[in-house]
PDB file of N, CA and C in Angstrom:
ATOM      1  N   MET A   1      40.123  10.559 -15.118  1.00  0.00           N
ATOM      2  CA  MET A   1      39.088   9.770 -15.169  1.00  0.00           C
ATOM      3  C   MET A   1      39.411   8.217 -15.804  1.00  0.00           C
ATOM      4  N   ARG A   2      39.242   7.225 -15.092  1.00  0.00           N
ATOM      5  CA  ARG A   2      39.476   5.874 -15.792  1.00  0.00           C
ATOM      6  C   ARG A   2      38.452   5.451 -16.597  1.00  0.00           C
ATOM      7  N   VAL A   3      38.505   4.451 -17.433  1.00  0.00           N
ATOM      8  CA  VAL A   3      37.498   4.008 -18.220  1.00  0.00           C
ATOM      9  C   VAL A   3      36.362   3.355 -17.325  1.00  0.00           C
ATOM     10  N   GLY A   4      36.879   2.465 -16.339  1.00  0.00           N
ATOM     11  CA  GLY A   4      35.812   1.953 -15.317  1.00  0.00           C
ATOM     12  C   GLY A   4      34.811   2.914 -14.613  1.00  0.00           C
ATOM     13  N   ASP A   5      35.481   4.144 -14.310  1.00  0.00           N
ATOM     14  CA  ASP A   5      34.711   5.278 -13.686  1.00  0.00           C
ATOM     15  C   ASP A   5      33.445   5.620 -14.446  1.00  0.00           C
ATOM     16  N   TYR A   6      33.555   5.716 -15.795  1.00  0.00           N
ATOM     17  CA  TYR A   6      32.351   6.068 -16.678  1.00  0.00           C
ATOM     18  C   TYR A   6      31.149   5.105 -16.329  1.00  0.00           C
ATOM     19  N   TYR A   7      31.151   3.842 -16.014  1.00  0.00           N
ATOM     20  CA  TYR A   7      30.260   3.024 -15.914  1.00  0.00           C
ATOM     21  C   TYR A   7      29.713   3.012 -14.454  1.00  0.00           C
ATOM     22  N   GLN A   8      30.251   3.581 -13.679  1.00  0.00           N
ATOM     23  CA  GLN A   8      29.903   3.603 -12.311  1.00  0.00           C
ATOM     24  C   GLN A   8      28.867   4.381 -12.040  1.00  0.00           C
ATOM     25  N   PRO A   9      27.593   3.932 -11.202  1.00  0.00           N
ATOM     26  CA  PRO A   9      26.324   4.694 -11.227  1.00  0.00           C
ATOM     27  C   PRO A   9      26.889   5.967 -10.035  1.00  0.00           C
ATOM     28  N   ASP A  10      26.417   7.180 -10.289  1.00  0.00           N
ATOM     29  CA  ASP A  10      26.538   8.116  -9.252  1.00  0.00           C
ATOM     30  C   ASP A  10      25.701   7.869  -8.068  1.00  0.00           C
ATOM     31  N   PRO A  11      26.471   7.672  -6.794  1.00  0.00           N
ATOM     32  CA  PRO A  11      25.813   7.298  -5.494  1.00  0.00           C
ATOM     33  C   PRO A  11      24.825   8.474  -5.082  1.00  0.00           C
ATOM     34  N   HIS A  12      25.070   9.598  -5.347  1.00  0.00           N
ATOM     35  CA  HIS A  12      24.236  10.651  -5.107  1.00  0.00           C
ATOM     36  C   HIS A  12      22.865  10.663  -5.822  1.00  0.00           C
ATOM     37  N   VAL A  13      22.901  10.264  -6.974  1.00  0.00           N
ATOM     38  CA  VAL A  13      21.635  10.110  -7.765  1.00  0.00           C
ATOM     39  C   VAL A  13      20.920   9.119  -7.141  1.00  0.00           C
ATOM     40  N   HIS A  14      21.278   7.987  -6.789  1.00  0.00           N
ATOM     41  CA  HIS A  14      20.616   6.755  -6.267  1.00  0.00           C
ATOM     42  C   HIS A  14      19.895   7.395  -4.922  1.00  0.00           C
ATOM     43  N   HIS A  15      20.699   8.021  -3.986  1.00  0.00           N
ATOM     44  CA  HIS A  15      20.009   8.489  -2.736  1.00  0.00           C
ATOM     45  C   HIS A  15      18.702   9.478  -3.110  1.00  0.00           C
ATOM     46  N   ARG A  16      18.969  10.461  -4.134  1.00  0.00           N
ATOM     47  CA  ARG A  16      17.885  11.169  -4.373  1.00  0.00           C
ATOM     48  C   ARG A  16      16.788  10.746  -4.888  1.00  0.00           C
ATOM     49  N   LYS A  17      17.026   9.415  -5.742  1.00  0.00           N
ATOM     50  CA  LYS A  17      15.713   8.774  -6.082  1.00  0.00           C
ATOM     51  C   LYS A  17      15.134   7.951  -4.990  1.00  0.00           C
ATOM     52  N   GLU A  18      16.054   7.562  -4.166  1.00  0.00           N
ATOM     53  CA  GLU A  18      15.461   6.764  -2.936  1.00  0.00           C
ATOM     54  C   GLU A  18      14.523   7.737  -2.108  1.00  0.00           C
ATOM     55  N   ARG A  19      15.158   9.103  -1.949  1.00  0.00           N
ATOM     56  CA  ARG A  19      14.310   9.950  -1.096  1.00  0.00           C
ATOM     57  C   ARG A  19      13.081  10.273  -1.719  1.00  0.00           C
ATOM     58  N   LYS A  20      12.890  10.528  -3.085  1.00  0.00           N
ATOM     59  CA  LYS A  20      11.880  10.940  -3.921  1.00  0.00           C
ATOM     60  C   LYS A  20      10.798   9.836  -3.638  1.00  0.00           C
ATOM     61  N   ALA A  21      11.234   8.586  -3.708  1.00  0.00           N
ATOM     62  CA  ALA A  21      10.428   7.412  -3.806  1.00  0.00           C
ATOM     63  C   ALA A  21       9.482   7.408  -2.525  1.00  0.00           C
ATOM     64  N   LYS A  22      10.260   7.744  -1.382  1.00  0.00           N
ATOM     65  CA  LYS A  22       9.720   7.722   0.091  1.00  0.00           C
ATOM     66  C   LYS A  22       8.591   8.794   0.229  1.00  0.00           C
ATOM     67  N   ASP A  23       9.050  10.073  -0.434  1.00  0.00           N
ATOM     68  CA  ASP A  23       8.305  11.208  -0.212  1.00  0.00           C
ATOM     69  C   ASP A  23       7.165  11.228  -1.086  1.00  0.00           C
ATOM     70  N   VAL A  24       6.902  10.528  -2.068  1.00  0.00           N
ATOM     71  CA  VAL A  24       5.831  10.424  -3.179  1.00  0.00           C
ATOM     72  C   VAL A  24       4.471  10.574  -2.333  1.00  0.00           C
ATOM     73  N   ARG A  25       3.569  11.327  -2.684  1.00  0.00           N
ATOM     74  CA  ARG A  25       2.369  11.347  -2.150  1.00  0.00           C
ATOM     75  C   ARG A  25       1.527  10.550  -3.175  1.00  0.00           C
ATOM     76  N   VAL A  26       0.864   9.413  -2.594  1.00  0.00           N
ATOM     77  CA  VAL A  26      -0.085   8.636  -3.282  1.00  0.00           C
ATOM     78  C   VAL A  26      -1.493   8.823  -2.882  1.00  0.00           C
ATOM     79  N   ASN A  27      -2.278   9.226  -3.617  1.00  0.00           N
ATOM     80  CA  ASN A  27      -3.662   9.375  -3.368  1.00  0.00           C
ATOM     81  C   ASN A  27      -4.538   8.337  -3.840  1.00  0.00           C
ATOM     82  N   LEU A  28      -4.951   7.286  -3.029  1.00  0.00           N
ATOM     83  CA  LEU A  28      -5.664   6.196  -3.461  1.00  0.00           C
ATOM     84  C   LEU A  28      -7.234   6.456  -3.545  1.00  0.00           C
ATOM     85  N   PRO A  29      -8.058   5.821  -4.428  1.00  0.00           N
ATOM     86  CA  PRO A  29      -9.534   6.039  -4.402  1.00  0.00           C
ATOM     87  C   PRO A  29     -10.003   5.680  -3.022  1.00  0.00           C
ATOM     88  N   HIS A  30     -10.990   6.047  -2.607  1.00  0.00           N
ATOM     89  CA  HIS A  30     -11.792   5.767  -1.316  1.00  0.00           C
ATOM     90  C   HIS A  30     -12.477   4.546  -1.495  1.00  0.00           C
ATOM     91  N   PHE A  31     -12.464   3.887  -0.482  1.00  0.00           N
ATOM     92  CA  PHE A  31     -13.261   2.435  -0.436  1.00  0.00           C
ATOM     93  C   PHE A  31     -14.226   2.519   0.824  1.00  0.00           C
ATOM     94  N   HIS A  32     -15.486   2.590   0.510  1.00  0.00           N
ATOM     95  CA  HIS A  32     -16.598   2.547   1.559  1.00  0.00           C
ATOM     96  C   HIS A  32     -17.008   1.178   1.861  1.00  0.00           C
ATOM     97  N   GLY A  33     -16.674  -0.013   1.548  1.00  0.00           N
ATOM     98  CA  GLY A  33     -17.018  -1.255   2.021  1.00  0.00           C
ATOM     99  C   GLY A  33     -18.326  -1.707   1.801  1.00  0.00           C
ATOM    100  N   LYS A  34     -18.883  -1.237   0.756  1.00  0.00           N
ATOM    101  CA  LYS A  34     -20.460  -1.678   0.523  1.00  0.00           C
ATOM    102  C   LYS A  34     -20.232  -3.187  -0.050  1.00  0.00           C
ATOM    103  N   ASP A  35     -21.304  -3.811  -0.280  1.00  0.00           N
ATOM    104  CA  ASP A  35     -21.460  -5.205  -0.597  1.00  0.00           C
ATOM    105  C   ASP A  35     -21.328  -5.348  -2.210  1.00  0.00           C
ATOM    106  N   ASN A  36     -20.977  -4.150  -2.849  1.00  0.00           N
ATOM    107  CA  ASN A  36     -20.881  -4.388  -4.394  1.00  0.00           C
ATOM    108  C   ASN A  36     -19.596  -4.908  -4.824  1.00  0.00           C
ATOM    109  N   VAL A  37     -19.554  -6.069  -5.250  1.00  0.00           N
ATOM    110  CA  VAL A  37     -18.420  -6.759  -5.583  1.00  0.00           C
ATOM    111  C   VAL A  37     -17.635  -5.964  -6.783  1.00  0.00           C
ATOM    112  N   GLU A  38     -18.448  -5.475  -7.755  1.00  0.00           N
ATOM    113  CA  GLU A  38     -17.848  -4.728  -8.812  1.00  0.00           C
ATOM    114  C   GLU A  38     -16.983  -3.606  -8.264  1.00  0.00           C
ATOM    115  N   THR A  39     -17.532  -2.789  -7.319  1.00  0.00           N
ATOM    116  CA  THR A  39     -16.935  -1.666  -6.559  1.00  0.00           C
ATOM    117  C   THR A  39     -15.586  -2.045  -5.969  1.00  0.00           C
ATOM    118  N   PHE A  40     -15.544  -3.178  -5.371  1.00  0.00           N
ATOM    119  CA  PHE A  40     -14.444  -3.680  -4.688  1.00  0.00           C
ATOM    120  C   PHE A  40     -13.443  -4.108  -5.646  1.00  0.00           C
ATOM    121  N   LEU A  41     -13.819  -4.888  -6.564  1.00  0.00           N
ATOM    122  CA  LEU A  41     -12.663  -5.089  -7.723  1.00  0.00           C
ATOM    123  C   LEU A  41     -12.261  -4.084  -8.421  1.00  0.00           C
ATOM    124  N   ASP A  42     -12.921  -3.017  -8.602  1.00  0.00           N
ATOM    125  CA  ASP A  42     -12.586  -1.865  -9.336  1.00  0.00           C
ATOM    126  C   ASP A  42     -11.563  -1.038  -8.317  1.00  0.00           C
ATOM    127  N   TRP A  43     -11.908  -1.012  -7.199  1.00  0.00           N
ATOM    128  CA  TRP A  43     -11.012  -0.177  -6.335  1.00  0.00           C
ATOM    129  C   TRP A  43      -9.728  -0.992  -6.179  1.00  0.00           C
ATOM    130  N   LYS A  44      -9.584  -2.261  -5.965  1.00  0.00           N
ATOM    131  CA  LYS A  44      -8.530  -3.128  -5.909  1.00  0.00           C
ATOM    132  C   LYS A  44      -7.670  -2.963  -6.994  1.00  0.00           C
ATOM    133  N   MET A  45      -8.252  -2.949  -8.216  1.00  0.00           N
ATOM    134  CA  MET A  45      -7.370  -2.865  -9.526  1.00  0.00           C
ATOM    135  C   MET A  45      -6.719  -1.566  -9.649  1.00  0.00           C
ATOM    136  N   LYS A  46      -7.580  -0.438  -9.184  1.00  0.00           N
ATOM    137  CA  LYS A  46      -6.861   0.738  -9.246  1.00  0.00           C
ATOM    138  C   LYS A  46      -5.781   0.969  -8.243  1.00  0.00           C
ATOM    139  N   VAL A  47      -6.015   0.364  -7.121  1.00  0.00           N
ATOM    140  CA  VAL A  47      -4.928   0.646  -5.986  1.00  0.00           C
ATOM    141  C   VAL A  47      -3.710  -0.372  -6.370  1.00  0.00           C
ATOM    142  N   GLU A  48      -3.862  -1.365  -6.911  1.00  0.00           N
ATOM    143  CA  GLU A  48      -2.666  -2.264  -7.369  1.00  0.00           C
ATOM    144  C   GLU A  48      -1.929  -1.422  -8.645  1.00  0.00           C
ATOM    145  N   GLN A  49      -2.598  -0.770  -9.383  1.00  0.00           N
ATOM    146  CA  GLN A  49      -2.033  -0.109 -10.505  1.00  0.00           C
ATOM    147  C   GLN A  49      -1.232   1.090 -10.007  1.00  0.00           C
ATOM    148  N   LEU A  50      -1.739   1.769  -8.875  1.00  0.00           N
ATOM    149  CA  LEU A  50      -1.031   2.843  -8.275  1.00  0.00           C
ATOM    150  C   LEU A  50       0.273   2.276  -7.350  1.00  0.00           C
ATOM    151  N   PHE A  51       0.029   1.196  -6.798  1.00  0.00           N
ATOM    152  CA  PHE A  51       1.146   0.614  -6.128  1.00  0.00           C
ATOM    153  C   PHE A  51       2.418   0.413  -7.140  1.00  0.00           C
ATOM    154  N   LYS A  52       1.945  -0.270  -8.187  1.00  0.00           N
ATOM    155  CA  LYS A  52       2.998  -0.562  -9.197  1.00  0.00           C
ATOM    156  C   LYS A  52       3.768   0.683  -9.782  1.00  0.00           C
ATOM    157  N   CYS A  53       2.955   1.551 -10.198  1.00  0.00           N
ATOM    158  CA  CYS A  53       3.168   2.871 -10.834  1.00  0.00           C
ATOM    159  C   CYS A  53       4.216   3.736  -9.878  1.00  0.00           C
ATOM    160  N   TYR A  54       3.899   3.875  -8.520  1.00  0.00           N
ATOM    161  CA  TYR A  54       4.727   4.397  -7.679  1.00  0.00           C
ATOM    162  C   TYR A  54       5.746   3.553  -6.916  1.00  0.00           C
ATOM    163  N   HIS A  55       5.820   2.096  -7.411  1.00  0.00           N
ATOM    164  CA  HIS A  55       6.854   1.313  -6.688  1.00  0.00           C
ATOM    165  C   HIS A  55       6.761   1.441  -5.218  1.00  0.00           C
ATOM    166  N   ILE A  56       5.424   1.025  -4.634  1.00  0.00           N
ATOM    167  CA  ILE A  56       5.269   1.290  -3.250  1.00  0.00           C
ATOM    168  C   ILE A  56       5.660  -0.190  -2.750  1.00  0.00           C
ATOM    169  N   SER A  57       6.431   0.063  -1.736  1.00  0.00           N
ATOM    170  CA  SER A  57       7.183  -1.088  -0.992  1.00  0.00           C
ATOM    171  C   SER A  57       5.870  -2.014  -0.214  1.00  0.00           C
ATOM    172  N   GLU A  58       6.189  -3.006   0.028  1.00  0.00           N
ATOM    173  CA  GLU A  58       5.248  -4.134   0.705  1.00  0.00           C
ATOM    174  C   GLU A  58       4.868  -3.526   1.893  1.00  0.00           C
ATOM    175  N   GLU A  59       5.738  -3.019   2.815  1.00  0.00           N
ATOM    176  CA  GLU A  59       5.241  -2.390   4.189  1.00  0.00           C
ATOM    177  C   GLU A  59       4.541  -1.326   4.112  1.00  0.00           C
ATOM    178  N   ARG A  60       4.451  -0.653   3.064  1.00  0.00           N
ATOM    179  CA  ARG A  60       3.551   0.749   2.902  1.00  0.00           C
ATOM    180  C   ARG A  60       2.191   0.313   2.524  1.00  0.00           C
ATOM    181  N   LYS A  61       1.953  -0.806   1.800  1.00  0.00           N
ATOM    182  CA  LYS A  61       0.860  -1.085   1.025  1.00  0.00           C
ATOM    183  C   LYS A  61      -0.424  -1.089   1.940  1.00  0.00           C
ATOM    184  N   VAL A  62      -0.405  -1.886   3.015  1.00  0.00           N
ATOM    185  CA  VAL A  62      -1.504  -2.082   3.895  1.00  0.00           C
ATOM    186  C   VAL A  62      -1.802  -0.574   4.615  1.00  0.00           C
ATOM    187  N   PRO A  63      -0.738  -0.083   5.158  1.00  0.00           N
ATOM    188  CA  PRO A  63      -1.261   1.377   5.940  1.00  0.00           C
ATOM    189  C   PRO A  63      -1.851   2.320   4.702  1.00  0.00           C
ATOM    190  N   LEU A  64      -1.375   2.405   3.342  1.00  0.00           N
ATOM    191  CA  LEU A  64      -1.870   3.286   2.518  1.00  0.00           C
ATOM    192  C   LEU A  64      -3.225   2.815   2.317  1.00  0.00           C
ATOM    193  N   ALA A  65      -3.364   1.487   2.032  1.00  0.00           N
ATOM    194  CA  ALA A  65      -4.818   1.253   1.560  1.00  0.00           C
ATOM    195  C   ALA A  65      -5.741   1.400   2.615  1.00  0.00           C
ATOM    196  N   THR A  66      -5.444   1.104   3.784  1.00  0.00           N
ATOM    197  CA  THR A  66      -6.445   1.359   4.876  1.00  0.00           C
ATOM    198  C   THR A  66      -6.851   2.699   5.201  1.00  0.00           C
ATOM    199  N   LEU A  67      -5.743   3.627   4.665  1.00  0.00           N
ATOM    200  CA  LEU A  67      -6.051   5.019   4.896  1.00  0.00           C
ATOM    201  C   LEU A  67      -7.097   5.410   4.038  1.00  0.00           C
ATOM    202  N   SER A  68      -7.366   4.720   2.800  1.00  0.00           N
ATOM    203  CA  SER A  68      -8.406   5.246   1.829  1.00  0.00           C
ATOM    204  C   SER A  68      -9.653   4.589   2.342  1.00  0.00           C
ATOM    205  N   PHE A  69      -9.842   3.832   3.492  1.00  0.00           N
ATOM    206  CA  PHE A  69     -11.275   3.317   3.926  1.00  0.00           C
ATOM    207  C   PHE A  69     -12.018   4.525   4.451  1.00  0.00           C
ATOM    208  N   GLN A  70     -13.300   4.361   4.062  1.00  0.00           N
ATOM    209  CA  GLN A  70     -14.284   5.258   4.476  1.00  0.00           C
ATOM    210  C   GLN A  70     -15.518   4.548   5.107  1.00  0.00           C
ATOM    211  N   GLY A  71     -16.263   5.194   6.097  1.00  0.00           N
ATOM    212  CA  GLY A  71     -17.565   4.786   6.465  1.00  0.00           C
ATOM    213  C   GLY A  71     -17.490   3.270   6.980  1.00  0.00           C
ATOM    214  N   HIS A  72     -18.329   2.415   6.369  1.00  0.00           N
ATOM    215  CA  HIS A  72     -18.369   1.030   6.842  1.00  0.00           C
ATOM    216  C   HIS A  72     -16.891   0.363   6.551  1.00  0.00           C
ATOM    217  N   ALA A  73     -16.326   0.653   5.583  1.00  0.00           N
ATOM    218  CA  ALA A  73     -14.938  -0.108   5.590  1.00  0.00           C
ATOM    219  C   ALA A  73     -13.955   0.409   6.856  1.00  0.00           C
ATOM    220  N   THR A  74     -13.957   1.578   7.200  1.00  0.00           N
ATOM    221  CA  THR A  74     -13.254   2.184   8.463  1.00  0.00           C
ATOM    222  C   THR A  74     -13.698   1.319   9.617  1.00  0.00           C
ATOM    223  N   HIS A  75     -14.969   1.132   9.864  1.00  0.00           N
ATOM    224  CA  HIS A  75     -15.468   0.451  11.109  1.00  0.00           C
ATOM    225  C   HIS A  75     -15.060  -0.948  10.942  1.00  0.00           C
ATOM    226  N   TRP A  76     -15.193  -1.546   9.813  1.00  0.00           N
ATOM    227  CA  TRP A  76     -14.737  -3.010   9.659  1.00  0.00           C
ATOM    228  C   TRP A  76     -13.365  -3.084  10.142  1.00  0.00           C
ATOM    229  N   TRP A  77     -12.494  -2.341   9.475  1.00  0.00           N
ATOM    230  CA  TRP A  77     -10.865  -2.310   9.569  1.00  0.00           C
ATOM    231  C   TRP A  77     -10.514  -2.249  11.146  1.00  0.00           C
ATOM    232  N   SER A  78     -11.213  -1.285  11.842  1.00  0.00           N
ATOM    233  CA  SER A  78     -10.897  -1.161  13.132  1.00  0.00           C
ATOM    234  C   SER A  78     -11.439  -2.279  14.071  1.00  0.00           C
ATOM    235  N   THR A  79     -12.614  -2.760  13.704  1.00  0.00           N
ATOM    236  CA  THR A  79     -13.228  -4.023  14.532  1.00  0.00           C
ATOM    237  C   THR A  79     -12.105  -5.111  14.279  1.00  0.00           C
ATOM    238  N   LEU A  80     -11.734  -5.333  13.060  1.00  0.00           N
ATOM    239  CA  LEU A  80     -11.077  -6.578  12.711  1.00  0.00           C
ATOM    240  C   LEU A  80      -9.585  -6.440  13.439  1.00  0.00           C
ATOM    241  N   MET A  81      -9.054  -5.238  13.478  1.00  0.00           N
ATOM    242  CA  MET A  81      -7.747  -5.085  14.193  1.00  0.00           C
ATOM    243  C   MET A  81      -7.950  -5.154  15.716  1.00  0.00           C
ATOM    244  N   ARG A  82      -9.079  -4.767  16.265  1.00  0.00           N
ATOM    245  CA  ARG A  82      -9.435  -4.905  17.815  1.00  0.00           C
ATOM    246  C   ARG A  82      -9.493  -6.382  18.045  1.00  0.00           C
ATOM    247  N   ASP A  83     -10.229  -7.169  17.198  1.00  0.00           N
ATOM    248  CA  ASP A  83     -10.453  -8.593  17.415  1.00  0.00           C
ATOM    249  C   ASP A  83      -9.300  -9.290  17.349  1.00  0.00           C
ATOM    250  N   ARG A  84      -8.282  -9.067  16.147  1.00  0.00           N
ATOM    251  CA  ARG A  84      -7.128  -9.714  16.110  1.00  0.00           C
ATOM    252  C   ARG A  84      -6.130  -9.615  17.233  1.00  0.00           C
ATOM    253  N   HIS A  85      -6.350  -8.289  18.013  1.00  0.00           N
ATOM    254  CA  HIS A  85      -5.429  -7.980  19.053  1.00  0.00           C
ATOM    255  C   HIS A  85      -6.013  -8.755  20.251  1.00  0.00           C
ATOM    256  N   LEU A  86      -7.363  -8.818  20.408  1.00  0.00           N
ATOM    257  CA  LEU A  86      -7.791  -9.543  21.419  1.00  0.00           C
ATOM    258  C   LEU A  86      -7.586 -10.987  21.539  1.00  0.00           C
ATOM    259  N   HIS A  87      -7.473 -11.509  20.307  1.00  0.00           N
ATOM    260  CA  HIS A  87      -7.278 -13.075  20.218  1.00  0.00           C
ATOM    261  C   HIS A  87      -5.863 -13.248  19.977  1.00  0.00           C
ATOM    262  N   GLN A  88      -5.081 -12.361  20.317  1.00  0.00           N
ATOM    263  CA  GLN A  88      -3.475 -12.347  20.185  1.00  0.00           C
ATOM    264  C   GLN A  88      -3.130 -12.916  18.808  1.00  0.00           C
ATOM    265  N   GLU A  89      -3.720 -12.441  17.790  1.00  0.00           N
ATOM    266  CA  GLU A  89      -3.454 -12.847  16.444  1.00  0.00           C
ATOM    267  C   GLU A  89      -2.559 -11.574  15.786  1.00  0.00           C
ATOM    268  N   PRO A  90      -1.613 -12.000  14.816  1.00  0.00           N
ATOM    269  CA  PRO A  90      -0.912 -10.824  14.330  1.00  0.00           C
ATOM    270  C   PRO A  90      -1.577 -10.011  13.355  1.00  0.00           C
ATOM    271  N   THR A  91      -1.334  -8.631  13.379  1.00  0.00           N
ATOM    272  CA  THR A  91      -1.811  -7.645  12.575  1.00  0.00           C
ATOM    273  C   THR A  91      -1.713  -7.966  11.099  1.00  0.00           C
ATOM    274  N   ILE A  92      -2.432  -7.510  10.301  1.00  0.00           N
ATOM    275  CA  ILE A  92      -2.452  -7.730   8.814  1.00  0.00           C
ATOM    276  C   ILE A  92      -1.190  -6.654   8.522  1.00  0.00           C
ATOM    277  N   VAL A  93      -0.349  -7.349   7.740  1.00  0.00           N
ATOM    278  CA  VAL A  93       0.869  -6.218   7.297  1.00  0.00           C
ATOM    279  C   VAL A  93       1.101  -6.531   5.816  1.00  0.00           C
ATOM    280  N   TYR A  94       0.564  -7.544   5.195  1.00  0.00           N
ATOM    281  CA  TYR A  94       0.786  -7.739   3.664  1.00  0.00           C
ATOM    282  C   TYR A  94      -0.412  -7.601   2.880  1.00  0.00           C
ATOM    283  N   TRP A  95      -0.287  -7.014   1.716  1.00  0.00           N
ATOM    284  CA  TRP A  95      -1.216  -6.683   0.750  1.00  0.00           C
ATOM    285  C   TRP A  95      -2.258  -7.951   0.468  1.00  0.00           C
ATOM    286  N   ASN A  96      -1.594  -9.051   0.222  1.00  0.00           N
ATOM    287  CA  ASN A  96      -2.409 -10.193  -0.022  1.00  0.00           C
ATOM    288  C   ASN A  96      -3.189 -10.662   0.902  1.00  0.00           C
ATOM    289  N   ASP A  97      -2.678 -10.546   2.179  1.00  0.00           N
ATOM    290  CA  ASP A  97      -3.550 -10.703   3.314  1.00  0.00           C
ATOM    291  C   ASP A  97      -4.954  -9.864   3.508  1.00  0.00           C
ATOM    292  N   LEU A  98      -4.560  -8.544   3.299  1.00  0.00           N
ATOM    293  CA  LEU A  98      -5.851  -7.633   3.372  1.00  0.00           C
ATOM    294  C   LEU A  98      -6.712  -7.887   2.337  1.00  0.00           C
ATOM    295  N   LYS A  99      -6.166  -8.207   1.015  1.00  0.00           N
ATOM    296  CA  LYS A  99      -7.216  -8.520   0.078  1.00  0.00           C
ATOM    297  C   LYS A  99      -8.060  -9.835   0.458  1.00  0.00           C
ATOM    298  N   SER A 100      -7.307 -10.721   1.012  1.00  0.00           N
ATOM    299  CA  SER A 100      -7.988 -11.960   1.431  1.00  0.00           C
ATOM    300  C   SER A 100      -9.171 -11.558   2.688  1.00  0.00           C
ATOM    301  N   ALA A 101      -8.673 -10.653   3.527  1.00  0.00           N
ATOM    302  CA  ALA A 101      -9.659 -10.399   4.439  1.00  0.00           C
ATOM    303  C   ALA A 101     -10.736  -9.513   4.133  1.00  0.00           C
ATOM    304  N   LEU A 102     -10.524  -8.744   2.963  1.00  0.00           N
ATOM    305  CA  LEU A 102     -11.764  -7.977   2.322  1.00  0.00           C
ATOM    306  C   LEU A 102     -12.698  -8.784   1.629  1.00  0.00           C
ATOM    307  N   ARG A 103     -12.073  -9.980   1.071  1.00  0.00           N
ATOM    308  CA  ARG A 103     -12.999 -10.726   0.346  1.00  0.00           C
ATOM    309  C   ARG A 103     -14.058 -11.499   1.326  1.00  0.00           C
TER     310      ARG A 103
END
């Protein structure tokens, strides 16, 4: 073993960590889409904490967040996506854009 070899990261460890990060199951709190601002802000704060804690990639944030929608929020999301499709607007793929739309 050479001196420089000691400081080289093990490539197998990196791949295992990557695989685990992709396989992590994140259970977000449900969001019902009521007109209560405090409920929305609380949900948003918890979701952002979970995203940070689990190192959720940008491309996974919107799909994960919208999976937590229930009731009115689910209806709102499906209507918004249908309307955007009909008007040939791009789908929402970024967390900041989803937060803006929710406001």
